[in-house]
PDB file of all heavy atoms in Angstrom:
ATOM      1  N   GLY A   1     -10.751  -0.667 -11.101  1.00  0.00           N
ATOM      2  CA  GLY A   1      -9.472  -0.721 -10.289  1.00  0.00           C
ATOM      3  C   GLY A   1      -8.552   0.479 -10.491  1.00  0.00           C
ATOM      4  O   GLY A   1      -7.360   0.410 -10.252  1.00  0.00           O
ATOM      5  N   SER A   2      -9.176   1.621 -10.850  1.00  0.00           N
ATOM      6  CA  SER A   2      -8.336   2.730 -11.209  1.00  0.00           C
ATOM      7  C   SER A   2      -7.673   3.356 -10.023  1.00  0.00           C
ATOM      8  O   SER A   2      -8.132   3.300  -8.867  1.00  0.00           O
ATOM      9  CB  SER A   2      -9.207   3.851 -11.888  1.00  0.00           C
ATOM     10  OG  SER A   2     -10.300   4.232 -11.068  1.00  0.00           O
ATOM     11  N   LEU A   3      -6.458   3.948 -10.228  1.00  0.00           N
ATOM     12  CA  LEU A   3      -5.640   4.435  -9.176  1.00  0.00           C
ATOM     13  C   LEU A   3      -5.978   5.924  -8.986  1.00  0.00           C
ATOM     14  O   LEU A   3      -5.526   6.804  -9.786  1.00  0.00           O
ATOM     15  CB  LEU A   3      -4.126   4.330  -9.562  1.00  0.00           C
ATOM     16  CG  LEU A   3      -3.142   4.922  -8.603  1.00  0.00           C
ATOM     17  CD1 LEU A   3      -3.196   4.262  -7.228  1.00  0.00           C
ATOM     18  CD2 LEU A   3      -1.670   4.673  -9.188  1.00  0.00           C
ATOM     19  N   GLY A   4      -6.709   6.214  -7.837  1.00  0.00           N
ATOM     20  CA  GLY A   4      -6.971   7.574  -7.531  1.00  0.00           C
ATOM     21  C   GLY A   4      -6.148   8.019  -6.325  1.00  0.00           C
ATOM     22  O   GLY A   4      -5.420   7.271  -5.749  1.00  0.00           O
ATOM     23  N   SER A   5      -6.415   9.189  -5.769  1.00  0.00           N
ATOM     24  CA  SER A   5      -5.674   9.714  -4.650  1.00  0.00           C
ATOM     25  C   SER A   5      -5.822   8.947  -3.467  1.00  0.00           C
ATOM     26  O   SER A   5      -4.864   8.692  -2.717  1.00  0.00           O
ATOM     27  CB  SER A   5      -6.069  11.229  -4.466  1.00  0.00           C
ATOM     28  OG  SER A   5      -5.735  11.993  -5.586  1.00  0.00           O
ATOM     29  N   VAL A   6      -7.151   8.528  -3.094  1.00  0.00           N
ATOM     30  CA  VAL A   6      -7.346   7.777  -1.934  1.00  0.00           C
ATOM     31  C   VAL A   6      -6.808   6.397  -2.082  1.00  0.00           C
ATOM     32  O   VAL A   6      -6.186   5.845  -1.103  1.00  0.00           O
ATOM     33  CB  VAL A   6      -8.825   7.722  -1.635  1.00  0.00           C
ATOM     34  CG1 VAL A   6      -9.153   6.872  -0.385  1.00  0.00           C
ATOM     35  CG2 VAL A   6      -9.423   9.122  -1.333  1.00  0.00           C
ATOM     36  N   THR A   7      -6.926   5.765  -3.228  1.00  0.00           N
ATOM     37  CA  THR A   7      -6.299   4.455  -3.444  1.00  0.00           C
ATOM     38  C   THR A   7      -4.849   4.513  -3.249  1.00  0.00           C
ATOM     39  O   THR A   7      -4.186   3.713  -2.563  1.00  0.00           O
ATOM     40  CB  THR A   7      -6.556   3.998  -4.949  1.00  0.00           C
ATOM     41  OG1 THR A   7      -7.969   4.135  -5.238  1.00  0.00           O
ATOM     42  CG2 THR A   7      -6.125   2.595  -5.111  1.00  0.00           C
ATOM     43  N   GLY A   8      -4.227   5.552  -3.748  1.00  0.00           N
ATOM     44  CA  GLY A   8      -2.743   5.717  -3.703  1.00  0.00           C
ATOM     45  C   GLY A   8      -2.330   5.940  -2.210  1.00  0.00           C
ATOM     46  O   GLY A   8      -1.329   5.358  -1.674  1.00  0.00           O
ATOM     47  N   GLU A   9      -3.174   6.706  -1.466  1.00  0.00           N
ATOM     48  CA  GLU A   9      -2.926   6.861  -0.016  1.00  0.00           C
ATOM     49  C   GLU A   9      -3.019   5.598   0.732  1.00  0.00           C
ATOM     50  O   GLU A   9      -2.161   5.399   1.616  1.00  0.00           O
ATOM     51  CB  GLU A   9      -3.884   7.959   0.522  1.00  0.00           C
ATOM     52  CG  GLU A   9      -3.756   8.269   2.015  1.00  0.00           C
ATOM     53  CD  GLU A   9      -2.499   9.028   2.340  1.00  0.00           C
ATOM     54  OE1 GLU A   9      -1.826   9.571   1.428  1.00  0.00           O
ATOM     55  OE2 GLU A   9      -2.178   9.008   3.571  1.00  0.00           O
ATOM     56  N   LEU A  10      -3.986   4.843   0.487  1.00  0.00           N
ATOM     57  CA  LEU A  10      -4.169   3.532   1.205  1.00  0.00           C
ATOM     58  C   LEU A  10      -2.977   2.616   0.949  1.00  0.00           C
ATOM     59  O   LEU A  10      -2.492   2.045   1.887  1.00  0.00           O
ATOM     60  CB  LEU A  10      -5.453   2.897   0.775  1.00  0.00           C
ATOM     61  CG  LEU A  10      -6.770   3.637   1.218  1.00  0.00           C
ATOM     62  CD1 LEU A  10      -7.910   2.946   0.539  1.00  0.00           C
ATOM     63  CD2 LEU A  10      -6.964   3.497   2.718  1.00  0.00           C
ATOM     64  N   ILE A  11      -2.589   2.460  -0.313  1.00  0.00           N
ATOM     65  CA  ILE A  11      -1.440   1.662  -0.629  1.00  0.00           C
ATOM     66  C   ILE A  11      -0.139   2.125  -0.007  1.00  0.00           C
ATOM     67  O   ILE A  11       0.672   1.447   0.466  1.00  0.00           O
ATOM     68  CB  ILE A  11      -1.285   1.453  -2.119  1.00  0.00           C
ATOM     69  CG1 ILE A  11      -2.536   0.858  -2.699  1.00  0.00           C
ATOM     70  CG2 ILE A  11      -0.016   0.589  -2.474  1.00  0.00           C
ATOM     71  CD1 ILE A  11      -2.562   0.804  -4.262  1.00  0.00           C
ATOM     72  N   THR A  12       0.073   3.461  -0.064  1.00  0.00           N
ATOM     73  CA  THR A  12       1.150   4.103   0.557  1.00  0.00           C
ATOM     74  C   THR A  12       1.294   3.816   2.055  1.00  0.00           C
ATOM     75  O   THR A  12       2.269   3.506   2.596  1.00  0.00           O
ATOM     76  CB  THR A  12       1.273   5.580   0.222  1.00  0.00           C
ATOM     77  OG1 THR A  12       1.314   5.759  -1.117  1.00  0.00           O
ATOM     78  CG2 THR A  12       2.543   6.188   0.883  1.00  0.00           C
ATOM     79  N   ARG A  13       0.177   4.007   2.729  1.00  0.00           N
ATOM     80  CA  ARG A  13       0.036   3.730   4.132  1.00  0.00           C
ATOM     81  C   ARG A  13       0.355   2.303   4.461  1.00  0.00           C
ATOM     82  O   ARG A  13       0.935   1.915   5.489  1.00  0.00           O
ATOM     83  CB  ARG A  13      -1.300   4.165   4.698  1.00  0.00           C
ATOM     84  CG  ARG A  13      -1.498   5.700   4.738  1.00  0.00           C
ATOM     85  CD  ARG A  13      -2.779   5.990   5.489  1.00  0.00           C
ATOM     86  NE  ARG A  13      -3.022   7.403   5.423  1.00  0.00           N
ATOM     87  CZ  ARG A  13      -3.908   8.032   6.253  1.00  0.00           C
ATOM     88  NH1 ARG A  13      -4.609   7.361   7.194  1.00  0.00           N
ATOM     89  NH2 ARG A  13      -4.088   9.343   6.138  1.00  0.00           N
ATOM     90  N   ALA A  14      -0.113   1.383   3.588  1.00  0.00           N
ATOM     91  CA  ALA A  14       0.166  -0.097   3.804  1.00  0.00           C
ATOM     92  C   ALA A  14       1.712  -0.283   3.736  1.00  0.00           C
ATOM     93  O   ALA A  14       2.264  -1.026   4.534  1.00  0.00           O
ATOM     94  CB  ALA A  14      -0.548  -0.846   2.687  1.00  0.00           C
ATOM     95  N   ALA A  15       2.368   0.354   2.754  1.00  0.00           N
ATOM     96  CA  ALA A  15       3.800   0.196   2.642  1.00  0.00           C
ATOM     97  C   ALA A  15       4.530   0.748   3.839  1.00  0.00           C
ATOM     98  O   ALA A  15       5.511   0.175   4.396  1.00  0.00           O
ATOM     99  CB  ALA A  15       4.293   0.875   1.324  1.00  0.00           C
ATOM    100  N   GLU A  16       4.007   1.949   4.313  1.00  0.00           N
ATOM    101  CA  GLU A  16       4.620   2.551   5.521  1.00  0.00           C
ATOM    102  C   GLU A  16       4.461   1.639   6.727  1.00  0.00           C
ATOM    103  O   GLU A  16       5.313   1.624   7.638  1.00  0.00           O
ATOM    104  CB  GLU A  16       4.046   3.925   5.702  1.00  0.00           C
ATOM    105  CG  GLU A  16       4.482   4.908   4.568  1.00  0.00           C
ATOM    106  CD  GLU A  16       3.721   6.253   4.656  1.00  0.00           C
ATOM    107  OE1 GLU A  16       2.692   6.300   5.348  1.00  0.00           O
ATOM    108  OE2 GLU A  16       4.254   7.136   3.971  1.00  0.00           O
ATOM    109  N   HIS A  17       3.260   0.969   6.812  1.00  0.00           N
ATOM    110  CA  HIS A  17       3.076   0.162   8.010  1.00  0.00           C
ATOM    111  C   HIS A  17       4.049  -1.085   7.870  1.00  0.00           C
ATOM    112  O   HIS A  17       4.544  -1.523   8.904  1.00  0.00           O
ATOM    113  CB  HIS A  17       1.616  -0.352   7.935  1.00  0.00           C
ATOM    114  CG  HIS A  17       1.170  -1.191   9.113  1.00  0.00           C
ATOM    115  ND1 HIS A  17       0.804  -0.656  10.341  1.00  0.00           N
ATOM    116  CD2 HIS A  17       1.158  -2.560   9.251  1.00  0.00           C
ATOM    117  CE1 HIS A  17       0.497  -1.675  11.124  1.00  0.00           C
ATOM    118  NE2 HIS A  17       0.743  -2.831  10.554  1.00  0.00           N
ATOM    119  N   ALA A  18       4.256  -1.547   6.663  1.00  0.00           N
ATOM    120  CA  ALA A  18       5.162  -2.678   6.475  1.00  0.00           C
ATOM    121  C   ALA A  18       6.586  -2.242   7.014  1.00  0.00           C
ATOM    122  O   ALA A  18       7.269  -2.984   7.624  1.00  0.00           O
ATOM    123  CB  ALA A  18       5.166  -3.120   5.099  1.00  0.00           C
ATOM    124  N   LEU A  19       6.935  -1.001   6.638  1.00  0.00           N
ATOM    125  CA  LEU A  19       8.272  -0.534   6.944  1.00  0.00           C
ATOM    126  C   LEU A  19       8.457  -0.372   8.521  1.00  0.00           C
ATOM    127  O   LEU A  19       9.420  -0.771   9.099  1.00  0.00           O
ATOM    128  CB  LEU A  19       8.505   0.791   6.246  1.00  0.00           C
ATOM    129  CG  LEU A  19       9.887   1.493   6.548  1.00  0.00           C
ATOM    130  CD1 LEU A  19      11.016   0.629   6.027  1.00  0.00           C
ATOM    131  CD2 LEU A  19       9.923   2.840   5.907  1.00  0.00           C
ATOM    132  N   ALA A  20       7.395   0.243   9.114  1.00  0.00           N
ATOM    133  CA  ALA A  20       7.479   0.437  10.519  1.00  0.00           C
ATOM    134  C   ALA A  20       7.551  -0.838  11.304  1.00  0.00           C
ATOM    135  O   ALA A  20       8.132  -0.896  12.368  1.00  0.00           O
ATOM    136  CB  ALA A  20       6.246   1.249  10.929  1.00  0.00           C
ATOM    137  N   ASN A  21       6.876  -1.884  10.805  1.00  0.00           N
ATOM    138  CA  ASN A  21       6.788  -3.154  11.506  1.00  0.00           C
ATOM    139  C   ASN A  21       7.703  -4.238  10.912  1.00  0.00           C
ATOM    140  O   ASN A  21       7.631  -5.413  11.317  1.00  0.00           O
ATOM    141  CB  ASN A  21       5.338  -3.648  11.545  1.00  0.00           C
ATOM    142  CG  ASN A  21       4.456  -2.790  12.346  1.00  0.00           C
ATOM    143  OD1 ASN A  21       4.363  -2.963  13.520  1.00  0.00           O
ATOM    144  ND2 ASN A  21       3.793  -1.839  11.695  1.00  0.00           N
ATOM    145  N   ARG A  22       8.549  -3.858   9.962  1.00  0.00           N
ATOM    146  CA  ARG A  22       9.525  -4.729   9.293  1.00  0.00           C
ATOM    147  C   ARG A  22       8.847  -5.990   8.772  1.00  0.00           C
ATOM    148  O   ARG A  22       9.245  -7.129   9.158  1.00  0.00           O
ATOM    149  CB  ARG A  22      10.676  -5.025  10.206  1.00  0.00           C
ATOM    150  CG  ARG A  22      11.525  -3.806  10.561  1.00  0.00           C
ATOM    151  CD  ARG A  22      12.889  -4.151  11.007  1.00  0.00           C
ATOM    152  NE  ARG A  22      13.709  -4.810   9.907  1.00  0.00           N
ATOM    153  CZ  ARG A  22      14.257  -4.211   8.957  1.00  0.00           C
ATOM    154  NH1 ARG A  22      14.194  -2.977   8.705  1.00  0.00           N
ATOM    155  NH2 ARG A  22      14.925  -4.944   8.084  1.00  0.00           N
ATOM    156  N   LEU A  23       7.861  -5.775   8.004  1.00  0.00           N
ATOM    157  CA  LEU A  23       7.097  -6.941   7.402  1.00  0.00           C
ATOM    158  C   LEU A  23       7.189  -6.892   5.882  1.00  0.00           C
ATOM    159  O   LEU A  23       7.306  -5.773   5.281  1.00  0.00           O
ATOM    160  CB  LEU A  23       5.571  -6.869   7.783  1.00  0.00           C
ATOM    161  CG  LEU A  23       5.257  -7.099   9.204  1.00  0.00           C
ATOM    162  CD1 LEU A  23       3.766  -6.767   9.534  1.00  0.00           C
ATOM    163  CD2 LEU A  23       5.536  -8.576   9.629  1.00  0.00           C
ATOM    164  N   PRO A  24       7.102  -8.056   5.228  1.00  0.00           N
ATOM    165  CA  PRO A  24       7.044  -8.035   3.780  1.00  0.00           C
ATOM    166  C   PRO A  24       5.733  -7.337   3.248  1.00  0.00           C
ATOM    167  O   PRO A  24       4.744  -7.301   4.019  1.00  0.00           O
ATOM    168  CB  PRO A  24       7.108  -9.533   3.409  1.00  0.00           C
ATOM    169  CG  PRO A  24       7.568 -10.211   4.595  1.00  0.00           C
ATOM    170  CD  PRO A  24       7.125  -9.347   5.805  1.00  0.00           C
ATOM    171  N   LEU A  25       5.789  -6.884   2.062  1.00  0.00           N
ATOM    172  CA  LEU A  25       4.609  -6.276   1.453  1.00  0.00           C
ATOM    173  C   LEU A  25       4.251  -7.011   0.164  1.00  0.00           C
ATOM    174  O   LEU A  25       5.085  -7.269  -0.719  1.00  0.00           O
ATOM    175  CB  LEU A  25       4.931  -4.797   1.092  1.00  0.00           C
ATOM    176  CG  LEU A  25       3.825  -4.015   0.337  1.00  0.00           C
ATOM    177  CD1 LEU A  25       2.607  -3.838   1.217  1.00  0.00           C
ATOM    178  CD2 LEU A  25       4.335  -2.709  -0.185  1.00  0.00           C
ATOM    179  N   LEU A  26       2.979  -7.404   0.041  1.00  0.00           N
ATOM    180  CA  LEU A  26       2.386  -8.007  -1.094  1.00  0.00           C
ATOM    181  C   LEU A  26       1.400  -7.082  -1.740  1.00  0.00           C
ATOM    182  O   LEU A  26       0.461  -6.690  -1.080  1.00  0.00           O
ATOM    183  CB  LEU A  26       1.717  -9.363  -0.710  1.00  0.00           C
ATOM    184  CG  LEU A  26       0.928 -10.051  -1.802  1.00  0.00           C
ATOM    185  CD1 LEU A  26       1.745 -10.439  -3.035  1.00  0.00           C
ATOM    186  CD2 LEU A  26       0.189 -11.277  -1.266  1.00  0.00           C
ATOM    187  N   LEU A  27       1.499  -6.739  -2.998  1.00  0.00           N
ATOM    188  CA  LEU A  27       0.657  -5.929  -3.758  1.00  0.00           C
ATOM    189  C   LEU A  27      -0.010  -6.835  -4.840  1.00  0.00           C
ATOM    190  O   LEU A  27       0.617  -7.461  -5.593  1.00  0.00           O
ATOM    191  CB  LEU A  27       1.347  -4.784  -4.486  1.00  0.00           C
ATOM    192  CG  LEU A  27       2.161  -3.848  -3.558  1.00  0.00           C
ATOM    193  CD1 LEU A  27       2.998  -2.919  -4.370  1.00  0.00           C
ATOM    194  CD2 LEU A  27       1.213  -3.098  -2.618  1.00  0.00           C
ATOM    195  N   VAL A  28      -1.361  -6.840  -4.879  1.00  0.00           N
ATOM    196  CA  VAL A  28      -2.142  -7.660  -5.819  1.00  0.00           C
ATOM    197  C   VAL A  28      -2.763  -6.539  -6.750  1.00  0.00           C
ATOM    198  O   VAL A  28      -3.606  -5.809  -6.313  1.00  0.00           O
ATOM    199  CB  VAL A  28      -3.068  -8.544  -5.200  1.00  0.00           C
ATOM    200  CG1 VAL A  28      -3.824  -9.408  -6.291  1.00  0.00           C
ATOM    201  CG2 VAL A  28      -2.489  -9.517  -4.213  1.00  0.00           C
ATOM    202  N   THR A  29      -2.419  -6.554  -8.028  1.00  0.00           N
ATOM    203  CA  THR A  29      -2.821  -5.472  -8.893  1.00  0.00           C
ATOM    204  C   THR A  29      -3.899  -6.056  -9.844  1.00  0.00           C
ATOM    205  O   THR A  29      -3.891  -7.163 -10.327  1.00  0.00           O
ATOM    206  CB  THR A  29      -1.710  -4.956  -9.766  1.00  0.00           C
ATOM    207  OG1 THR A  29      -1.153  -5.960 -10.540  1.00  0.00           O
ATOM    208  CG2 THR A  29      -0.575  -4.398  -8.829  1.00  0.00           C
ATOM    209  N   ALA A  30      -4.890  -5.168 -10.098  1.00  0.00           N
ATOM    210  CA  ALA A  30      -5.888  -5.403 -11.098  1.00  0.00           C
ATOM    211  C   ALA A  30      -6.464  -4.027 -11.445  1.00  0.00           C
ATOM    212  O   ALA A  30      -7.266  -3.464 -10.641  1.00  0.00           O
ATOM    213  CB  ALA A  30      -7.007  -6.293 -10.531  1.00  0.00           C
TER     214      ALA A  30
END
């Protein structure tokens, strides 16, 4: 579950999608 550049990009895009659509964001970490 290590955090690499692509992993970070995907999570960041998910957060940006939540912001653009005014939706809550759930992060499940492992």
